[in-house]
Amino acid sequence: MRIVILAAMDKEVDLLLPLLSEVKESEAEGVRVHQGWISGHDVCVMKCGIGKVNSALNAYRSIRYFKPDLVVNTGVAGGADCSMKVGSVLVATAAAYHDVWCGPGTIEGQIDGMPRRFEMDAEIVEKCSHLPDSEEFRFGLICTGDRFISTAEEVMHIKNLYPDALACDMESASIAHACLECGVACAVIRVVSDTPGSGDNLSQYANFWSEAPLKTFAAVRELLEILHNS
């Protein structure tokens, strides 16, 4: 299976690279590509960049360059529900925009001509339910927008739009959007780095990196192992 793994930041990519064997570096339209093997899969790891435009463009570049069977977006996210604590792993069942409105007569969160929610590959989500420690994972909606969410008011806006939202980030929905347009399966596995509205989420986010979010990357590796054996 050919798989692209996208992460928003260099520090996330750096944590992913030790999972690869026989690594070769190249470039896809100016973006550095790390290609190697994980659990028998031909894997391409790329930085997609922060935000919706960067991530959509680089998801598209990776699909055009690598022609994958699956795109996996991984990294960190902010909690958008009281059940999501720092270190909680979210396997997204869908992704949606929380900062989109196309005007009167349209539904907030939905781009004209697109679904309001971008559904993840159901088979991949089901296989994630069989991962080691999967009873500790949460499965549900992640919401995306071009803003680092830090206040209770911002979380309330997201929850008003999507009461079942569990986490928020700046890339998942745009990557899923690009995958839908290209006809490629998508999966999102993220670890919660901070809890917006808690009063100290900025320090939570800064300190989180001192312990490295290896839990979510271990889940990605275990997922690839299950896919290889199935």
Protein backbone atom coordinates (compact mmCIF):
# COMPACT_ATOMS: atom_id res chain seq x y z
CA MET A 1 0.00 0.00 0.00
CA ARG A 2 1.22 3.50 -0.79
CA ILE A 3 0.57 5.92 2.05
CA VAL A 4 1.19 9.65 2.55
CA ILE A 5 1.56 10.90 6.12
CA LEU A 6 1.11 14.66 6.52
CA ALA A 7 1.97 16.73 9.58
CA ALA A 8 1.71 20.50 9.90
CA MET A 9 5.06 21.35 11.50
CA ASP A 10 8.72 20.39 11.26
CA LYS A 11 8.76 19.24 14.89
CA GLU A 12 5.94 16.79 14.12
CA VAL A 13 7.70 15.52 11.00
CA ASP A 14 10.93 15.08 12.98
CA LEU A 15 9.09 12.83 15.43
CA LEU A 16 7.65 10.76 12.58
CA LEU A 17 10.90 10.14 10.71
CA PRO A 18 12.30 7.53 13.15
CA LEU A 19 9.36 5.30 12.16
CA LEU A 20 10.71 5.08 8.59
CA SER A 21 13.33 2.65 7.32
CA GLU A 22 15.42 2.99 4.14
CA VAL A 23 14.67 6.70 3.99
CA LYS A 24 15.27 8.64 0.79
CA GLU A 25 14.78 12.39 0.50
CA SER A 26 13.48 14.23 -2.55
CA GLU A 27 11.32 17.24 -3.40
CA ALA A 28 7.77 17.59 -4.68
CA GLU A 29 7.38 21.05 -6.20
CA GLY A 30 9.78 22.51 -3.65
CA VAL A 31 8.43 20.59 -0.64
CA ARG A 32 10.80 18.13 1.04
CA VAL A 33 9.65 14.52 0.87
CA HIS A 34 10.88 11.69 3.10
CA GLN A 35 10.14 8.34 1.49
CA GLY A 36 10.70 4.99 3.17
CA TRP A 37 8.99 1.95 4.60
CA ILE A 38 6.76 1.33 7.63
CA SER A 39 5.34 -2.14 8.28
CA GLY A 40 5.73 -3.17 4.65
CA HIS A 41 4.08 -0.03 3.24
CA ASP A 42 5.70 2.42 0.85
CA VAL A 43 5.35 5.65 2.86
CA CYS A 44 5.89 9.32 2.05
CA VAL A 45 6.14 11.75 4.99
CA MET A 46 5.68 15.45 4.22
CA LYS A 47 5.14 18.68 6.10
CA CYS A 48 1.82 20.12 4.94
CA GLY A 49 2.26 23.46 6.67
CA ILE A 50 -0.05 25.29 9.07
CA GLY A 51 -3.50 26.39 7.95
CA LYS A 52 -6.11 25.41 5.41
CA VAL A 53 -4.48 26.73 2.23
CA ASN A 54 -1.01 25.33 2.98
CA SER A 55 -2.37 21.94 3.97
CA ALA A 56 -4.75 21.63 1.01
CA LEU A 57 -2.05 22.62 -1.48
CA ASN A 58 0.48 20.21 -0.05
CA ALA A 59 -2.05 17.40 0.29
CA TYR A 60 -2.76 17.88 -3.42
CA ARG A 61 0.97 18.00 -4.22
CA SER A 62 1.58 14.81 -2.27
CA ILE A 63 -1.26 13.02 -4.05
CA ARG A 64 -0.05 14.16 -7.46
CA TYR A 65 3.58 13.29 -6.67
CA PHE A 66 3.13 9.99 -4.81
CA LYS A 67 -0.27 8.69 -6.03
CA PRO A 68 -1.14 7.17 -2.63
CA ASP A 69 -3.92 4.77 -1.69
CA LEU A 70 -4.34 6.57 1.64
CA VAL A 71 -3.48 9.96 3.14
CA VAL A 72 -3.03 10.07 6.92
CA ASN A 73 -3.00 13.42 8.71
CA THR A 74 -1.45 13.30 12.15
CA GLY A 75 -0.03 15.61 14.79
CA VAL A 76 -1.59 17.67 17.57
CA ALA A 77 -5.00 19.22 18.13
CA GLY A 78 -6.78 21.32 20.72
CA GLY A 79 -9.52 19.75 22.79
CA ALA A 80 -13.05 21.01 22.07
CA ASP A 81 -14.89 18.88 24.61
CA CYS A 82 -14.52 18.30 28.33
CA SER A 83 -13.85 14.61 27.64
CA MET A 84 -10.67 15.46 25.70
CA LYS A 85 -7.72 15.81 28.05
CA VAL A 86 -4.10 16.55 27.21
CA GLY A 87 -2.71 13.32 25.75
CA SER A 88 -6.09 12.02 24.53
CA VAL A 89 -5.87 10.47 21.05
CA LEU A 90 -8.65 11.29 18.58
CA VAL A 91 -9.39 9.10 15.58
CA ALA A 92 -11.54 11.39 13.47
CA THR A 93 -14.68 9.94 11.93
CA ALA A 94 -15.25 13.22 10.08
CA ALA A 95 -13.80 16.71 9.73
CA ALA A 96 -15.59 20.04 9.24
CA TYR A 97 -14.82 23.75 8.88
CA HIS A 98 -15.74 25.97 11.82
CA ASP A 99 -14.82 29.28 10.14
CA VAL A 100 -16.77 29.10 6.87
CA TRP A 101 -19.93 30.93 5.88
CA CYS A 102 -20.82 31.52 2.23
CA GLY A 103 -23.61 34.02 2.89
CA PRO A 104 -27.41 34.10 3.09
CA GLY A 105 -29.12 30.91 2.02
CA THR A 106 -26.14 28.75 2.95
CA ILE A 107 -25.31 26.69 6.02
CA GLU A 108 -22.52 27.94 8.27
CA GLY A 109 -19.57 25.58 8.06
CA GLN A 110 -20.41 24.34 4.56
CA ILE A 111 -18.65 25.40 1.37
CA ASP A 112 -21.02 25.63 -1.59
CA GLY A 113 -21.05 22.33 -3.46
CA MET A 114 -19.20 20.45 -0.72
CA PRO A 115 -20.49 18.32 2.15
CA ARG A 116 -20.68 20.03 5.52
CA ARG A 117 -18.70 17.13 6.99
CA PHE A 118 -15.88 15.32 5.23
CA GLU A 119 -16.23 11.68 6.23
CA MET A 120 -13.08 9.66 6.89
CA ASP A 121 -12.48 6.26 5.34
CA ALA A 122 -14.85 3.97 7.28
CA GLU A 123 -12.63 0.89 6.92
CA ILE A 124 -9.63 2.72 8.39
CA VAL A 125 -11.71 4.05 11.30
CA GLU A 126 -12.96 0.53 11.99
CA LYS A 127 -9.44 -0.88 11.98
CA CYS A 128 -8.37 1.84 14.44
CA SER A 129 -10.92 0.43 16.88
CA HIS A 130 -8.76 -2.70 17.04
CA LEU A 131 -5.51 -0.89 17.85
CA PRO A 132 -3.75 -1.63 21.15
CA ASP A 133 -5.09 0.77 23.82
CA SER A 134 -7.96 1.72 21.49
CA GLU A 135 -10.28 1.79 24.50
CA GLU A 136 -8.39 4.96 25.49
CA PHE A 137 -9.00 6.60 22.10
CA ARG A 138 -11.94 8.83 21.20
CA PHE A 139 -13.71 8.58 17.86
CA GLY A 140 -15.57 11.58 16.50
CA LEU A 141 -15.57 14.96 14.78
CA ILE A 142 -12.60 17.31 14.43
CA CYS A 143 -13.18 20.93 13.36
CA THR A 144 -10.78 23.04 11.33
CA GLY A 145 -10.22 26.77 10.94
CA ASP A 146 -7.47 29.29 10.28
CA ARG A 147 -7.08 30.26 13.92
CA PHE A 148 -5.34 28.85 17.00
CA ILE A 149 -8.24 28.35 19.38
CA SER A 150 -7.42 29.63 22.87
CA THR A 151 -10.56 30.95 24.56
CA ALA A 152 -13.76 29.48 25.96
CA GLU A 153 -15.74 31.78 23.66
CA GLU A 154 -14.06 30.33 20.58
CA VAL A 155 -14.77 26.79 21.76
CA MET A 156 -18.40 27.74 22.38
CA HIS A 157 -18.68 28.99 18.79
CA ILE A 158 -17.43 25.64 17.51
CA LYS A 159 -19.74 23.70 19.82
CA ASN A 160 -22.72 25.81 18.74
CA LEU A 161 -22.01 24.84 15.14
CA TYR A 162 -21.12 21.23 15.89
CA PRO A 163 -22.27 20.04 19.34
CA ASP A 164 -20.44 16.72 18.82
CA ALA A 165 -17.06 18.32 18.07
CA LEU A 166 -14.26 16.72 20.09
CA ALA A 167 -11.17 18.62 18.88
CA CYS A 168 -10.03 21.51 16.72
CA ASP A 169 -7.07 22.12 14.46
CA MET A 170 -6.02 24.08 11.39
CA GLU A 171 -5.58 21.38 8.71
CA SER A 172 -7.72 18.23 8.97
CA ALA A 173 -10.83 19.36 7.07
CA SER A 174 -8.83 20.99 4.27
CA ILE A 175 -6.75 17.82 3.81
CA ALA A 176 -9.92 15.71 3.81
CA HIS A 177 -11.42 18.18 1.31
CA ALA A 178 -8.44 17.75 -1.04
CA CYS A 179 -8.60 13.97 -0.68
CA LEU A 180 -12.30 13.95 -1.54
CA GLU A 181 -11.65 16.01 -4.67
CA CYS A 182 -8.85 13.62 -5.69
CA GLY A 183 -10.72 10.42 -4.82
CA VAL A 184 -8.18 9.28 -2.22
CA ALA A 185 -9.01 7.73 1.18
CA CYS A 186 -8.24 9.93 4.19
CA ALA A 187 -7.65 9.29 7.88
CA VAL A 188 -6.92 11.67 10.76
CA ILE A 189 -5.26 10.61 14.03
CA ARG A 190 -4.34 13.44 16.38
CA VAL A 191 -3.31 13.84 20.00
CA VAL A 192 -4.68 16.62 22.20
CA SER A 193 -1.93 19.06 23.18
CA ASP A 194 -4.04 21.63 25.02
CA THR A 195 -7.56 22.38 26.23
CA PRO A 196 -8.75 25.79 24.97
CA GLY A 197 -10.68 27.80 27.52
CA SER A 198 -8.97 26.13 30.46
CA GLY A 199 -7.07 29.31 31.27
CA ASP A 200 -3.62 27.88 30.62
CA ASN A 201 -3.85 26.23 27.22
CA LEU A 202 -1.02 28.32 25.74
CA SER A 203 1.39 26.99 28.39
CA GLN A 204 -0.08 23.50 27.96
CA TYR A 205 0.73 23.69 24.26
CA ALA A 206 4.25 24.99 24.82
CA ASN A 207 5.07 22.40 27.50
CA PHE A 208 3.50 19.53 25.57
CA TRP A 209 6.43 19.37 23.19
CA SER A 210 8.85 18.64 26.00
CA GLU A 211 7.19 15.22 26.32
CA ALA A 212 6.78 14.68 22.55
CA PRO A 213 3.40 13.41 21.27
CA LEU A 214 4.69 9.94 20.44
CA LYS A 215 1.40 8.31 21.43
CA THR A 216 -0.36 9.39 18.25
CA PHE A 217 2.57 8.41 16.03
CA ALA A 218 2.68 4.99 17.69
CA ALA A 219 -1.02 4.63 16.83
CA VAL A 220 -0.24 5.47 13.19
CA ARG A 221 2.50 2.83 13.11
CA GLU A 222 0.19 0.24 14.67
CA LEU A 223 -2.52 1.09 12.15
CA LEU A 224 -0.10 0.47 9.28
CA GLU A 225 0.85 -2.85 10.83
CA ILE A 226 -2.84 -3.87 10.94
CA LEU A 227 -3.32 -2.78 7.32
CA HIS A 228 -0.28 -4.83 6.30
CA ASN A 229 -1.62 -7.96 7.99
CA SER A 230 -5.20 -7.62 6.75
